[in-house]
Amino acid sequence: MSSNSHFIIRPAIEEDAPVIFSLIKELADYEHLSHEVVASVNDIRKTLFGRHPFAETLIGEYQSLPVSFALFFYNFSTFLAKPGIYLEDLYVQPEHRGRGFGSKMLARIAALAKERNCGRFEWSVLNWNLPAIRTYEKLGATPKTEWILYRLNGEALEKLAKKNG
């Protein structure tokens, strides 16, 4: 029996908030972005499991222990007039990488996209994360190099929002 046979993927529930938060902190550490984590377990509870959840989370368990998570939400394609799924985060703990768990998580989300009549499934990857890039390309994903991601947050977001009124 392969190690993959002991890997299951399930939707997260509210009681998973501390596990999700712990895995988010591990991901941030891996990406050298720990200083950007300002969320709390309570924030995870409110935003993922509150009255109006903003995203969905899957938990990957190996031998009944959480070893990975994927957090995703809907976006929309005006050209297709269909929703899409945007994968915000996918993380597999380092000691469990190389077993295909990340690919299984991606396949589950792709299946959800098809079940939900989504027109696409997208995500971003840090340009230095070559193991992830190789995995994505093996799966048939293509980089969208003609697009540049822009972000407003913090003071810049506040400043622009004030121009609304």
C-alpha atoms as a PDB file:
ATOM      1  CA  MET A   1       0.000   0.000   0.000  1.00  0.00           C
ATOM      2  CA  SER A   2       1.511   3.348  -1.051  1.00  0.00           C
ATOM      3  CA  SER A   3       1.819   6.328   1.262  1.00  0.00           C
ATOM      4  CA  ASN A   4      -0.704   8.070  -0.992  1.00  0.00           C
ATOM      5  CA  SER A   5      -3.419   5.649   0.105  1.00  0.00           C
ATOM      6  CA  HIS A   6      -3.288   7.172   3.598  1.00  0.00           C
ATOM      7  CA  PHE A   7      -3.850  10.711   2.262  1.00  0.00           C
ATOM      8  CA  ILE A   8      -7.371  12.100   2.356  1.00  0.00           C
ATOM      9  CA  ILE A   9      -8.748  15.512   1.425  1.00  0.00           C
ATOM     10  CA  ARG A  10     -11.735  16.938   3.226  1.00  0.00           C
ATOM     11  CA  PRO A  11     -13.504  20.291   3.497  1.00  0.00           C
ATOM     12  CA  ALA A  12     -12.381  22.276   6.511  1.00  0.00           C
ATOM     13  CA  ILE A  13     -14.820  22.897   9.342  1.00  0.00           C
ATOM     14  CA  GLU A  14     -14.837  25.658  11.944  1.00  0.00           C
ATOM     15  CA  GLU A  15     -13.006  23.467  14.455  1.00  0.00           C
ATOM     16  CA  ASP A  16     -10.089  23.406  11.985  1.00  0.00           C
ATOM     17  CA  ALA A  17      -9.445  27.149  12.393  1.00  0.00           C
ATOM     18  CA  PRO A  18      -6.399  26.637  14.696  1.00  0.00           C
ATOM     19  CA  VAL A  19      -4.927  24.054  12.286  1.00  0.00           C
ATOM     20  CA  ILE A  20      -5.501  26.332   9.290  1.00  0.00           C
ATOM     21  CA  PHE A  21      -3.877  29.219  11.125  1.00  0.00           C
ATOM     22  CA  SER A  22      -0.903  27.064  12.077  1.00  0.00           C
ATOM     23  CA  LEU A  23      -0.445  25.935   8.464  1.00  0.00           C
ATOM     24  CA  ILE A  24      -0.761  29.551   7.259  1.00  0.00           C
ATOM     25  CA  LYS A  25       2.064  30.518   9.607  1.00  0.00           C
ATOM     26  CA  GLU A  26       4.185  27.633   8.268  1.00  0.00           C
ATOM     27  CA  LEU A  27       3.474  28.768   4.699  1.00  0.00           C
ATOM     28  CA  ALA A  28       4.413  32.350   5.544  1.00  0.00           C
ATOM     29  CA  ASP A  29       7.665  31.136   7.070  1.00  0.00           C
ATOM     30  CA  TYR A  30       8.432  29.066   3.956  1.00  0.00           C
ATOM     31  CA  GLU A  31       7.756  32.103   1.749  1.00  0.00           C
ATOM     32  CA  HIS A  32       9.879  34.367   4.004  1.00  0.00           C
ATOM     33  CA  LEU A  33       6.761  36.423   4.743  1.00  0.00           C
ATOM     34  CA  SER A  34       6.117  35.696   8.431  1.00  0.00           C
ATOM     35  CA  HIS A  35       6.256  39.411   9.165  1.00  0.00           C
ATOM     36  CA  GLU A  36       3.099  39.878   7.049  1.00  0.00           C
ATOM     37  CA  VAL A  37       0.887  37.527   9.074  1.00  0.00           C
ATOM     38  CA  VAL A  38      -1.419  39.713  11.135  1.00  0.00           C
ATOM     39  CA  ALA A  39      -4.404  37.330  11.148  1.00  0.00           C
ATOM     40  CA  SER A  40      -5.520  35.376  14.198  1.00  0.00           C
ATOM     41  CA  VAL A  41      -7.395  32.127  14.746  1.00  0.00           C
ATOM     42  CA  ASN A  42     -10.491  34.217  15.456  1.00  0.00           C
ATOM     43  CA  ASP A  43     -10.057  36.053  12.143  1.00  0.00           C
ATOM     44  CA  ILE A  44      -9.916  32.668  10.382  1.00  0.00           C
ATOM     45  CA  ARG A  45     -13.118  31.595  12.149  1.00  0.00           C
ATOM     46  CA  LYS A  46     -14.973  34.779  11.165  1.00  0.00           C
ATOM     47  CA  THR A  47     -13.825  35.019   7.553  1.00  0.00           C
ATOM     48  CA  LEU A  48     -13.925  31.337   6.589  1.00  0.00           C
ATOM     49  CA  PHE A  49     -16.773  30.023   8.739  1.00  0.00           C
ATOM     50  CA  GLY A  50     -18.822  33.076   9.694  1.00  0.00           C
ATOM     51  CA  ARG A  51     -22.180  34.201   8.357  1.00  0.00           C
ATOM     52  CA  HIS A  52     -20.696  35.091   4.958  1.00  0.00           C
ATOM     53  CA  PRO A  53     -17.616  32.927   4.301  1.00  0.00           C
ATOM     54  CA  PHE A  54     -15.168  34.620   1.947  1.00  0.00           C
ATOM     55  CA  ALA A  55     -13.245  31.502   0.921  1.00  0.00           C
ATOM     56  CA  GLU A  56     -13.220  27.731   1.190  1.00  0.00           C
ATOM     57  CA  THR A  57     -10.506  25.560   2.634  1.00  0.00           C
ATOM     58  CA  LEU A  58      -9.557  21.947   2.100  1.00  0.00           C
ATOM     59  CA  ILE A  59      -7.449  20.034   4.591  1.00  0.00           C
ATOM     60  CA  GLY A  60      -5.128  17.257   3.435  1.00  0.00           C
ATOM     61  CA  GLU A  61      -4.578  14.588   6.062  1.00  0.00           C
ATOM     62  CA  TYR A  62      -1.921  11.896   6.041  1.00  0.00           C
ATOM     63  CA  GLN A  63      -2.455   9.078   8.519  1.00  0.00           C
ATOM     64  CA  SER A  64      -5.201  11.198  10.134  1.00  0.00           C
ATOM     65  CA  LEU A  65      -2.901  14.210  10.725  1.00  0.00           C
ATOM     66  CA  PRO A  66      -3.320  17.535   8.853  1.00  0.00           C
ATOM     67  CA  VAL A  67      -0.282  18.022   6.613  1.00  0.00           C
ATOM     68  CA  SER A  68      -1.603  20.396   3.945  1.00  0.00           C
ATOM     69  CA  PHE A  69      -4.272  22.939   3.151  1.00  0.00           C
ATOM     70  CA  ALA A  70      -5.651  24.771   0.147  1.00  0.00           C
ATOM     71  CA  LEU A  71      -7.611  27.999   0.415  1.00  0.00           C
ATOM     72  CA  PHE A  72      -9.599  29.218  -2.597  1.00  0.00           C
ATOM     73  CA  PHE A  73     -12.457  31.492  -3.624  1.00  0.00           C
ATOM     74  CA  TYR A  74     -14.455  32.494  -6.681  1.00  0.00           C
ATOM     75  CA  ASN A  75     -13.387  35.066  -9.201  1.00  0.00           C
ATOM     76  CA  PHE A  76     -15.191  35.858 -12.451  1.00  0.00           C
ATOM     77  CA  SER A  77     -14.297  35.897 -16.131  1.00  0.00           C
ATOM     78  CA  THR A  78     -16.205  38.535 -18.058  1.00  0.00           C
ATOM     79  CA  PHE A  79     -15.006  37.008 -21.347  1.00  0.00           C
ATOM     80  CA  LEU A  80     -16.397  33.590 -20.429  1.00  0.00           C
ATOM     81  CA  ALA A  81     -19.317  34.930 -18.357  1.00  0.00           C
ATOM     82  CA  LYS A  82     -18.488  32.202 -15.853  1.00  0.00           C
ATOM     83  CA  PRO A  83     -17.043  32.021 -12.375  1.00  0.00           C
ATOM     84  CA  GLY A  84     -13.547  30.735 -11.843  1.00  0.00           C
ATOM     85  CA  ILE A  85     -11.713  29.432  -8.843  1.00  0.00           C
ATOM     86  CA  TYR A  86      -8.686  31.315  -7.585  1.00  0.00           C
ATOM     87  CA  LEU A  87      -6.332  29.345  -5.366  1.00  0.00           C
ATOM     88  CA  GLU A  88      -4.912  31.762  -2.813  1.00  0.00           C
ATOM     89  CA  ASP A  89      -2.742  29.282  -0.942  1.00  0.00           C
ATOM     90  CA  LEU A  90      -1.631  25.688  -1.245  1.00  0.00           C
ATOM     91  CA  TYR A  91       0.783  24.331   1.329  1.00  0.00           C
ATOM     92  CA  VAL A  92       2.200  20.903   2.060  1.00  0.00           C
ATOM     93  CA  GLN A  93       4.466  20.520   5.070  1.00  0.00           C
ATOM     94  CA  PRO A  94       8.096  19.980   3.958  1.00  0.00           C
ATOM     95  CA  GLU A  95       8.396  16.462   5.375  1.00  0.00           C
ATOM     96  CA  HIS A  96       5.398  15.388   3.260  1.00  0.00           C
ATOM     97  CA  ARG A  97       6.436  16.911  -0.071  1.00  0.00           C
ATOM     98  CA  GLY A  98       7.306  14.745  -3.032  1.00  0.00           C
ATOM     99  CA  ARG A  99       4.472  12.274  -2.397  1.00  0.00           C
ATOM    100  CA  GLY A 100       1.992  13.867  -4.782  1.00  0.00           C
ATOM    101  CA  PHE A 101      -0.153  15.407  -2.037  1.00  0.00           C
ATOM    102  CA  GLY A 102      -0.019  18.892  -3.594  1.00  0.00           C
ATOM    103  CA  SER A 103      -1.029  17.499  -6.989  1.00  0.00           C
ATOM    104  CA  LYS A 104      -3.924  15.649  -5.355  1.00  0.00           C
ATOM    105  CA  MET A 105      -5.081  18.892  -3.717  1.00  0.00           C
ATOM    106  CA  LEU A 106      -4.922  20.670  -7.084  1.00  0.00           C
ATOM    107  CA  ALA A 107      -6.840  17.832  -8.749  1.00  0.00           C
ATOM    108  CA  ARG A 108      -9.580  18.072  -6.101  1.00  0.00           C
ATOM    109  CA  ILE A 109      -9.969  21.808  -6.693  1.00  0.00           C
ATOM    110  CA  ALA A 110      -9.991  21.253 -10.471  1.00  0.00           C
ATOM    111  CA  ALA A 111     -12.787  18.711  -9.977  1.00  0.00           C
ATOM    112  CA  LEU A 112     -14.718  21.238  -7.878  1.00  0.00           C
ATOM    113  CA  ALA A 113     -14.238  23.832 -10.638  1.00  0.00           C
ATOM    114  CA  LYS A 114     -15.707  21.439 -13.195  1.00  0.00           C
ATOM    115  CA  GLU A 115     -18.597  20.418 -10.892  1.00  0.00           C
ATOM    116  CA  ARG A 116     -19.405  24.096 -10.305  1.00  0.00           C
ATOM    117  CA  ASN A 117     -19.267  24.992 -14.022  1.00  0.00           C
ATOM    118  CA  CYS A 118     -16.257  27.255 -13.599  1.00  0.00           C
ATOM    119  CA  GLY A 119     -14.435  28.394 -16.694  1.00  0.00           C
ATOM    120  CA  ARG A 120     -10.963  28.385 -15.188  1.00  0.00           C
ATOM    121  CA  PHE A 121      -8.769  27.637 -12.213  1.00  0.00           C
ATOM    122  CA  GLU A 122      -5.955  30.086 -11.478  1.00  0.00           C
ATOM    123  CA  TRP A 123      -3.256  30.818  -8.927  1.00  0.00           C
ATOM    124  CA  SER A 124       0.008  32.682  -8.501  1.00  0.00           C
ATOM    125  CA  VAL A 125       3.386  31.314  -7.520  1.00  0.00           C
ATOM    126  CA  LEU A 126       6.509  33.040  -6.268  1.00  0.00           C
ATOM    127  CA  ASN A 127       9.072  33.146  -9.075  1.00  0.00           C
ATOM    128  CA  TRP A 128      11.733  31.428  -6.934  1.00  0.00           C
ATOM    129  CA  ASN A 129       9.536  28.448  -6.014  1.00  0.00           C
ATOM    130  CA  LEU A 130      10.907  26.144  -8.713  1.00  0.00           C
ATOM    131  CA  PRO A 131       9.590  22.871  -7.227  1.00  0.00           C
ATOM    132  CA  ALA A 132       6.045  24.259  -7.324  1.00  0.00           C
ATOM    133  CA  ILE A 133       6.514  25.685 -10.823  1.00  0.00           C
ATOM    134  CA  ARG A 134       7.743  22.312 -12.099  1.00  0.00           C
ATOM    135  CA  THR A 135       4.748  20.577 -10.530  1.00  0.00           C
ATOM    136  CA  TYR A 136       2.302  23.050 -12.093  1.00  0.00           C
ATOM    137  CA  GLU A 137       3.870  22.699 -15.525  1.00  0.00           C
ATOM    138  CA  LYS A 138       3.771  18.891 -15.295  1.00  0.00           C
ATOM    139  CA  LEU A 139       0.035  19.198 -14.668  1.00  0.00           C
ATOM    140  CA  GLY A 140      -0.388  21.272 -17.836  1.00  0.00           C
ATOM    141  CA  ALA A 141      -0.755  24.701 -16.210  1.00  0.00           C
ATOM    142  CA  THR A 142       0.657  27.603 -18.186  1.00  0.00           C
ATOM    143  CA  PRO A 143       2.143  30.816 -16.801  1.00  0.00           C
ATOM    144  CA  LYS A 144       0.342  34.010 -17.793  1.00  0.00           C
ATOM    145  CA  THR A 145       3.444  36.145 -18.269  1.00  0.00           C
ATOM    146  CA  GLU A 146       1.646  38.927 -20.130  1.00  0.00           C
ATOM    147  CA  TRP A 147      -0.152  39.982 -16.947  1.00  0.00           C
ATOM    148  CA  ILE A 148       1.412  41.911 -14.077  1.00  0.00           C
ATOM    149  CA  LEU A 149      -0.198  41.525 -10.661  1.00  0.00           C
ATOM    150  CA  TYR A 150      -0.893  44.803  -8.867  1.00  0.00           C
ATOM    151  CA  ARG A 151      -1.850  45.137  -5.231  1.00  0.00           C
ATOM    152  CA  LEU A 152      -3.133  47.901  -3.010  1.00  0.00           C
ATOM    153  CA  ASN A 153      -2.932  47.352   0.735  1.00  0.00           C
ATOM    154  CA  GLY A 154      -2.166  49.225   3.906  1.00  0.00           C
ATOM    155  CA  GLU A 155      -1.729  52.966   3.553  1.00  0.00           C
ATOM    156  CA  ALA A 156      -2.090  52.954  -0.244  1.00  0.00           C
ATOM    157  CA  LEU A 157      -5.469  51.198   0.041  1.00  0.00           C
ATOM    158  CA  GLU A 158      -6.601  53.658   2.717  1.00  0.00           C
ATOM    159  CA  LYS A 159      -5.534  56.637   0.605  1.00  0.00           C
ATOM    160  CA  LEU A 160      -7.364  55.460  -2.506  1.00  0.00           C
ATOM    161  CA  ALA A 161     -10.495  54.523  -0.534  1.00  0.00           C
ATOM    162  CA  LYS A 162     -10.684  58.064   0.866  1.00  0.00           C
ATOM    163  CA  LYS A 163     -10.956  59.410  -2.701  1.00  0.00           C
ATOM    164  CA  ASN A 164     -14.351  57.694  -2.941  1.00  0.00           C
ATOM    165  CA  GLY A 165     -16.231  60.334  -1.021  1.00  0.00           C
END
